[in-house]
């Protein structure tokens, strides 16, 4: 009998813990051909999420709990889920039930047809705030242009089903700035995608704010492409050429006796200010890559585990 690891990170999810296990139990009852492990990473919760998970352990011997020493972030939690999972098949999902657990049944059917990766793709974002919809659309367009041979699928988050082979390959990737939704297409393998409408959050509030989204976007771009650096070079060449030509024209006009050049001077000064602004942006782009080089060379662990409570698959 094959084993399935249902994996989710939790951070301050005390309101969602009982609902999450209730839904997971409904799915497990329909999976008679799989032995199921439930793997939860407690990402340094400050509420009583860990205590509630320990309560669930009393009725769920298949529950494996990994608790971080502090909050290390969503990507670190996903990395831990992949590392600690034991299943032949691994499902990564969020614990807020906006990734409907009942989809796992259909995802497994696609896996059994020979797909190593099954993506769950959102097809309706109308309930999202306007700014979130716009930024999400912009993110996927930008990452699509920059990622080259890595095809990052639109509107696919962390909700995926992976074969053990894919999980092992991702675990062998060594970068510290890991982005799960980039790593999966980077590894490749036969992939299927199923669509779903994401339901609203049942309880509590999302911990994924705009700051987190912008960080994810920056990490995704820098981890998948060096195109921004190349574009910075091209932009510098273009601006340098325009600046040189403008200076020559200005000098010639002065030499031939044009005394009233106030409009041209104003235009030239405006261009200089614009150029300096773009230079600062370019330096910022370079700084992002240099900062990530620093993180990689420090070679610090992605997380520290304070407590681990193993499930029956580990015994």
Protein backbone atom coordinates (compact mmCIF):
# COMPACT_ATOMS: atom_id res chain seq x y z
CA UNK A 1 0.00 0.00 0.00
CA UNK A 2 1.34 3.42 -0.97
CA UNK A 3 1.59 6.23 1.54
CA UNK A 4 0.32 9.79 1.12
CA UNK A 5 1.69 12.72 3.09
CA UNK A 6 -0.79 15.58 3.50
CA UNK A 7 1.38 18.52 4.50
CA UNK A 8 0.51 22.02 5.70
CA UNK A 9 2.28 24.86 7.51
CA UNK A 10 0.51 26.61 10.38
CA UNK A 11 1.20 30.01 11.90
CA UNK A 12 -1.22 31.34 14.51
CA UNK A 13 -4.04 29.13 13.22
CA UNK A 14 -5.76 28.27 16.50
CA UNK A 15 -9.19 28.96 14.98
CA UNK A 16 -8.55 26.74 11.96
CA UNK A 17 -7.01 23.65 13.62
CA UNK A 18 -10.26 21.76 14.39
CA UNK A 19 -11.82 22.60 11.01
CA UNK A 20 -8.68 21.54 9.16
CA UNK A 21 -8.57 18.11 10.77
CA UNK A 22 -12.32 17.66 10.30
CA UNK A 23 -11.96 18.19 6.54
CA UNK A 24 -8.81 16.06 6.29
CA UNK A 25 -10.56 13.21 8.11
CA UNK A 26 -13.38 13.33 5.55
CA UNK A 27 -10.84 12.93 2.76
CA UNK A 28 -8.90 10.13 4.48
CA UNK A 29 -12.08 8.05 4.82
CA UNK A 30 -12.30 7.97 1.03
CA UNK A 31 -8.65 6.92 0.54
CA UNK A 32 -8.80 3.23 1.39
CA UNK A 33 -5.91 2.40 -0.95
CA UNK A 34 -3.46 4.80 0.74
CA UNK A 35 -1.91 4.96 4.17
CA UNK A 36 -2.01 8.64 5.12
CA UNK A 37 0.46 10.75 7.07
CA UNK A 38 -0.61 14.21 8.25
CA UNK A 39 2.45 16.42 8.54
CA UNK A 40 2.14 19.88 10.12
CA UNK A 41 4.91 22.44 10.53
CA UNK A 42 4.20 24.89 13.33
CA UNK A 43 6.02 27.98 12.05
CA UNK A 44 6.71 29.58 15.43
CA UNK A 45 3.06 30.31 16.28
CA UNK A 46 2.56 32.79 19.13
CA UNK A 47 -0.91 31.56 20.00
CA UNK A 48 -1.84 28.06 21.22
CA UNK A 49 -1.71 26.41 17.79
CA UNK A 50 0.95 23.93 18.98
CA UNK A 51 -1.11 22.94 22.05
CA UNK A 52 -4.15 22.34 19.83
CA UNK A 53 -2.05 20.21 17.49
CA UNK A 54 -0.90 18.11 20.44
CA UNK A 55 -4.56 17.62 21.35
CA UNK A 56 -5.26 16.41 17.82
CA UNK A 57 -2.37 13.97 18.16
CA UNK A 58 -4.40 12.02 20.75
CA UNK A 59 -6.97 11.07 18.10
CA UNK A 60 -4.63 11.14 15.08
CA UNK A 61 -1.71 8.73 15.57
CA UNK A 62 -0.72 9.45 11.95
CA UNK A 63 -0.05 13.11 12.83
CA UNK A 64 3.58 14.22 12.63
CA UNK A 65 4.29 17.66 14.15
CA UNK A 66 7.43 19.68 13.49
CA UNK A 67 7.63 22.89 15.52
CA UNK A 68 10.08 25.69 14.67
CA UNK A 69 11.98 27.63 17.33
CA UNK A 70 10.52 30.87 15.88
CA UNK A 71 8.70 32.11 12.79
CA UNK A 72 10.96 31.45 9.79
CA UNK A 73 8.39 32.16 7.07
CA UNK A 74 6.19 30.26 4.65
CA UNK A 75 8.92 29.10 2.26
CA UNK A 76 11.04 27.72 5.10
CA UNK A 77 7.99 25.85 6.40
CA UNK A 78 7.32 24.34 2.96
CA UNK A 79 10.96 23.26 2.72
CA UNK A 80 10.61 21.49 6.07
CA UNK A 81 7.40 19.80 4.93
CA UNK A 82 9.20 18.40 1.90
CA UNK A 83 12.16 17.25 3.99
CA UNK A 84 10.16 15.54 6.75
CA UNK A 85 7.47 13.98 4.54
CA UNK A 86 7.59 10.18 4.29
CA UNK A 87 4.95 9.49 1.67
CA UNK A 88 5.30 8.02 -1.79
CA UNK A 89 3.03 10.90 -2.75
CA UNK A 90 3.21 14.33 -1.10
CA UNK A 91 0.48 16.97 -1.10
CA UNK A 92 1.45 20.50 -0.08
CA UNK A 93 -1.44 22.76 0.89
CA UNK A 94 -2.37 25.72 3.08
CA UNK A 95 -4.14 25.07 6.37
CA UNK A 96 -6.80 27.78 5.98
CA UNK A 97 -8.96 25.44 3.82
CA UNK A 98 -8.79 27.85 0.89
CA UNK A 99 -7.02 24.91 -0.71
CA UNK A 100 -10.00 22.52 -0.59
CA UNK A 101 -8.79 19.14 0.77
CA UNK A 102 -11.44 17.25 -1.23
CA UNK A 103 -9.45 18.01 -4.40
CA UNK A 104 -6.79 15.57 -3.20
CA UNK A 105 -8.95 12.67 -4.38
CA UNK A 106 -9.00 13.92 -7.99
CA UNK A 107 -5.33 14.90 -7.81
CA UNK A 108 -4.46 11.34 -6.83
CA UNK A 109 -6.38 10.04 -9.85
CA UNK A 110 -4.13 12.13 -12.11
CA UNK A 111 -1.06 10.88 -10.22
CA UNK A 112 -2.20 7.30 -10.81
CA UNK A 113 -2.43 8.10 -14.53
CA UNK A 114 1.32 8.76 -14.53
CA UNK A 115 1.70 12.45 -13.62
CA UNK A 116 4.50 13.29 -11.18
CA UNK A 117 3.19 16.80 -10.52
CA UNK A 118 -0.45 17.83 -10.21
CA UNK A 119 -1.03 21.58 -9.89
CA UNK A 120 -4.21 23.14 -8.52
CA UNK A 121 -4.92 26.35 -10.45
CA UNK A 122 -7.27 29.09 -9.34
CA UNK A 123 -9.70 30.15 -12.06
CA UNK A 124 -11.59 32.94 -10.33
CA UNK A 125 -10.05 35.80 -8.34
CA UNK A 126 -13.10 38.12 -8.37
CA UNK A 127 -13.41 37.95 -4.59
CA UNK A 128 -9.82 39.13 -4.12
CA UNK A 129 -9.22 42.82 -3.41
CA UNK A 130 -8.62 44.86 -6.57
CA UNK A 131 -4.96 45.60 -5.74
CA UNK A 132 -4.26 41.92 -5.04
CA UNK A 133 -5.79 40.87 -8.37
CA UNK A 134 -3.74 43.45 -10.28
CA UNK A 135 -0.47 42.63 -8.52
CA UNK A 136 -1.04 38.88 -8.96
CA UNK A 137 -1.69 39.30 -12.67
CA UNK A 138 1.39 41.51 -13.02
CA UNK A 139 3.51 39.01 -11.08
CA UNK A 140 2.65 36.08 -13.34
CA UNK A 141 3.21 38.17 -16.49
CA UNK A 142 6.62 39.35 -15.28
CA UNK A 143 7.77 35.94 -14.08
CA UNK A 144 6.61 34.42 -17.37
CA UNK A 145 8.77 36.89 -19.32
CA UNK A 146 11.81 36.45 -17.09
CA UNK A 147 11.85 32.75 -16.29
CA UNK A 148 12.99 31.58 -19.73
CA UNK A 149 12.80 27.79 -19.94
CA UNK A 150 11.22 27.58 -16.48
CA UNK A 151 7.50 27.87 -17.13
CA UNK A 152 5.90 29.07 -13.90
CA UNK A 153 2.16 28.34 -14.29
CA UNK A 154 -0.30 31.19 -13.81
CA UNK A 155 -2.42 31.31 -10.65
CA UNK A 156 -0.85 28.18 -9.19
CA UNK A 157 0.24 28.61 -5.59
CA UNK A 158 1.60 25.97 -3.23
CA UNK A 159 -1.31 23.55 -3.57
CA UNK A 160 0.27 20.64 -5.46
CA UNK A 161 0.59 16.90 -5.44
CA UNK A 162 4.11 15.57 -5.99
CA UNK A 163 5.61 12.14 -6.51
CA UNK A 164 8.42 11.04 -4.20
CA UNK A 165 10.84 11.40 -7.12
CA UNK A 166 10.01 15.10 -7.53
CA UNK A 167 10.17 15.71 -3.76
CA UNK A 168 13.62 14.11 -3.56
CA UNK A 169 14.91 16.26 -6.41
CA UNK A 170 13.59 19.45 -4.80
CA UNK A 171 15.16 18.46 -1.49
CA UNK A 172 18.51 18.16 -3.27
CA UNK A 173 18.38 21.80 -4.41
CA UNK A 174 20.77 23.78 -2.24
CA UNK A 175 19.72 27.43 -2.55
CA UNK A 176 18.64 29.28 0.59
CA UNK A 177 16.34 31.69 -1.28
CA UNK A 178 14.03 28.84 -2.15
CA UNK A 179 10.66 29.54 -3.78
CA UNK A 180 8.51 26.41 -3.98
CA UNK A 181 6.38 27.59 -6.90
CA UNK A 182 9.59 28.13 -8.93
CA UNK A 183 11.38 24.97 -7.77
CA UNK A 184 8.61 22.63 -8.93
CA UNK A 185 8.63 23.72 -12.61
CA UNK A 186 12.43 23.95 -12.50
CA UNK A 187 12.66 20.26 -11.62
CA UNK A 188 10.16 19.45 -14.37
CA UNK A 189 8.63 15.97 -14.88
CA UNK A 190 5.22 15.11 -16.27
CA UNK A 191 2.74 17.69 -15.04
CA UNK A 192 -1.05 17.98 -14.99
CA UNK A 193 -3.16 20.94 -13.90
CA UNK A 194 -6.66 20.95 -12.48
CA UNK A 195 -8.78 24.06 -12.00
CA UNK A 196 -10.72 25.08 -8.91
CA UNK A 197 -12.50 28.08 -7.42
CA UNK A 198 -10.82 29.08 -4.19
CA UNK A 199 -13.33 29.47 -1.34
CA UNK A 200 -13.11 32.28 1.23
CA UNK A 201 -11.20 31.74 4.44
CA UNK A 202 -13.44 30.06 7.01
CA UNK A 203 -11.97 31.50 10.23
CA UNK A 204 -9.26 33.90 11.27
CA UNK A 205 -7.30 36.31 9.12
CA UNK A 206 -4.73 35.73 6.41
CA UNK A 207 -1.08 36.18 7.37
CA UNK A 208 -0.09 36.72 3.76
CA UNK A 209 0.00 40.50 3.37
CA UNK A 210 1.27 42.74 0.59
CA UNK A 211 4.76 42.84 2.11
CA UNK A 212 4.88 39.03 1.91
CA UNK A 213 3.64 39.10 -1.69
CA UNK A 214 6.28 41.60 -2.79
CA UNK A 215 8.99 39.56 -1.06
CA UNK A 216 7.74 36.44 -2.83
CA UNK A 217 7.81 38.28 -6.16
CA UNK A 218 11.38 39.46 -5.60
CA UNK A 219 12.58 36.02 -4.51
CA UNK A 220 10.80 34.36 -7.44
CA UNK A 221 12.36 36.66 -10.02
CA UNK A 222 15.90 36.60 -8.62
CA UNK A 223 15.83 32.83 -8.10
CA UNK A 224 14.71 32.08 -11.65
CA UNK A 225 16.42 34.67 -13.85
CA UNK A 226 19.29 37.13 -14.25
CA UNK A 227 17.38 39.07 -16.91
CA UNK A 228 16.89 42.17 -14.69
CA UNK A 229 20.67 42.55 -14.50
CA UNK A 230 20.95 42.28 -18.28
CA UNK A 231 18.16 44.82 -18.75
CA UNK A 232 19.96 47.15 -16.36
CA UNK A 233 23.04 46.94 -18.60
CA UNK A 234 21.02 47.68 -21.73
CA UNK A 235 19.25 50.58 -20.03
CA UNK A 236 22.57 52.03 -18.91
CA UNK A 237 23.93 51.88 -22.47
CA UNK A 238 20.83 53.58 -23.88
CA UNK A 239 20.79 56.36 -21.27
CA UNK A 240 24.52 56.90 -21.64
CA UNK A 241 24.14 57.27 -25.41
CA UNK A 242 21.24 59.72 -25.10
CA UNK A 243 23.11 61.74 -22.49
CA UNK A 244 26.21 61.96 -24.70
CA UNK A 245 24.19 63.02 -27.76
CA UNK A 246 22.29 65.62 -25.70
CA UNK A 247 25.53 67.07 -24.41
CA UNK A 248 27.01 67.33 -27.94
CA UNK A 249 23.84 69.05 -29.26
CA UNK A 250 23.84 71.45 -26.32
CA UNK A 251 27.53 72.26 -26.84
CA UNK A 252 27.06 72.88 -30.58
CA UNK A 253 24.12 75.22 -29.97
CA UNK A 254 26.22 77.18 -27.50
CA UNK A 255 29.14 77.46 -29.92
CA UNK A 256 27.03 78.69 -32.84
CA UNK A 257 25.66 81.56 -30.77
CA UNK A 258 22.23 80.51 -29.51
CA UNK A 259 21.87 82.54 -26.35
CA UNK A 260 18.31 81.53 -25.44
CA UNK A 261 18.37 77.89 -24.58
CA UNK A 262 16.23 77.92 -21.46
CA UNK A 263 13.78 75.28 -22.71
CA UNK A 264 16.53 72.99 -23.91
CA UNK A 265 18.40 73.44 -20.64
CA UNK A 266 15.27 72.62 -18.64
CA UNK A 267 14.74 69.52 -20.74
CA UNK A 268 18.37 68.50 -20.29
CA UNK A 269 18.25 68.97 -16.52
CA UNK A 270 15.02 66.98 -16.34
CA UNK A 271 16.66 64.19 -18.28
CA UNK A 272 19.62 64.24 -15.89
CA UNK A 273 17.28 63.89 -12.90
CA UNK A 274 15.44 61.05 -14.65
CA UNK A 275 18.73 59.32 -15.42
CA UNK A 276 19.87 59.58 -11.80
CA UNK A 277 16.56 58.11 -10.65
CA UNK A 278 16.93 55.19 -13.04
CA UNK A 279 20.51 54.67 -11.87
CA UNK A 280 19.25 54.34 -8.30
CA UNK A 281 16.66 51.79 -9.44
CA UNK A 282 19.35 49.83 -11.28
CA UNK A 283 21.55 49.90 -8.18
CA UNK A 284 18.58 48.59 -6.22
CA UNK A 285 18.20 45.67 -8.64
CA UNK A 286 21.90 44.86 -8.37
CA UNK A 287 21.63 45.17 -4.59
CA UNK A 288 18.84 42.57 -4.53
CA UNK A 289 21.08 40.04 -6.27
CA UNK A 290 24.09 40.92 -4.10
CA UNK A 291 21.96 40.52 -0.97
CA UNK A 292 20.91 37.07 -2.08
CA UNK A 293 24.54 36.15 -2.77
CA UNK A 294 25.31 37.15 0.84
CA UNK A 295 22.52 34.92 2.16
CA UNK A 296 23.76 31.98 0.08
CA UNK A 297 27.38 32.41 1.21
CA UNK A 298 26.35 32.64 4.89
CA UNK A 299 24.96 29.13 4.46
CA UNK A 300 22.70 29.40 7.50
CA UNK A 301 20.01 26.75 8.06
CA UNK A 302 16.57 27.70 6.73
CA UNK A 303 15.02 26.93 10.13
CA UNK A 304 15.61 25.39 13.55
CA UNK A 305 13.33 22.71 14.96
CA UNK A 306 12.50 23.15 18.63
CA UNK A 307 10.23 20.13 18.98
CA UNK A 308 9.22 17.14 16.87
CA UNK A 309 6.40 14.73 17.63
CA UNK A 310 6.53 11.80 15.22
CA UNK A 311 3.61 9.97 13.70
CA UNK A 312 3.05 6.23 13.28
CA UNK A 313 4.76 6.23 9.87
CA UNK A 314 8.01 7.13 11.65
CA UNK A 315 7.80 4.33 14.19
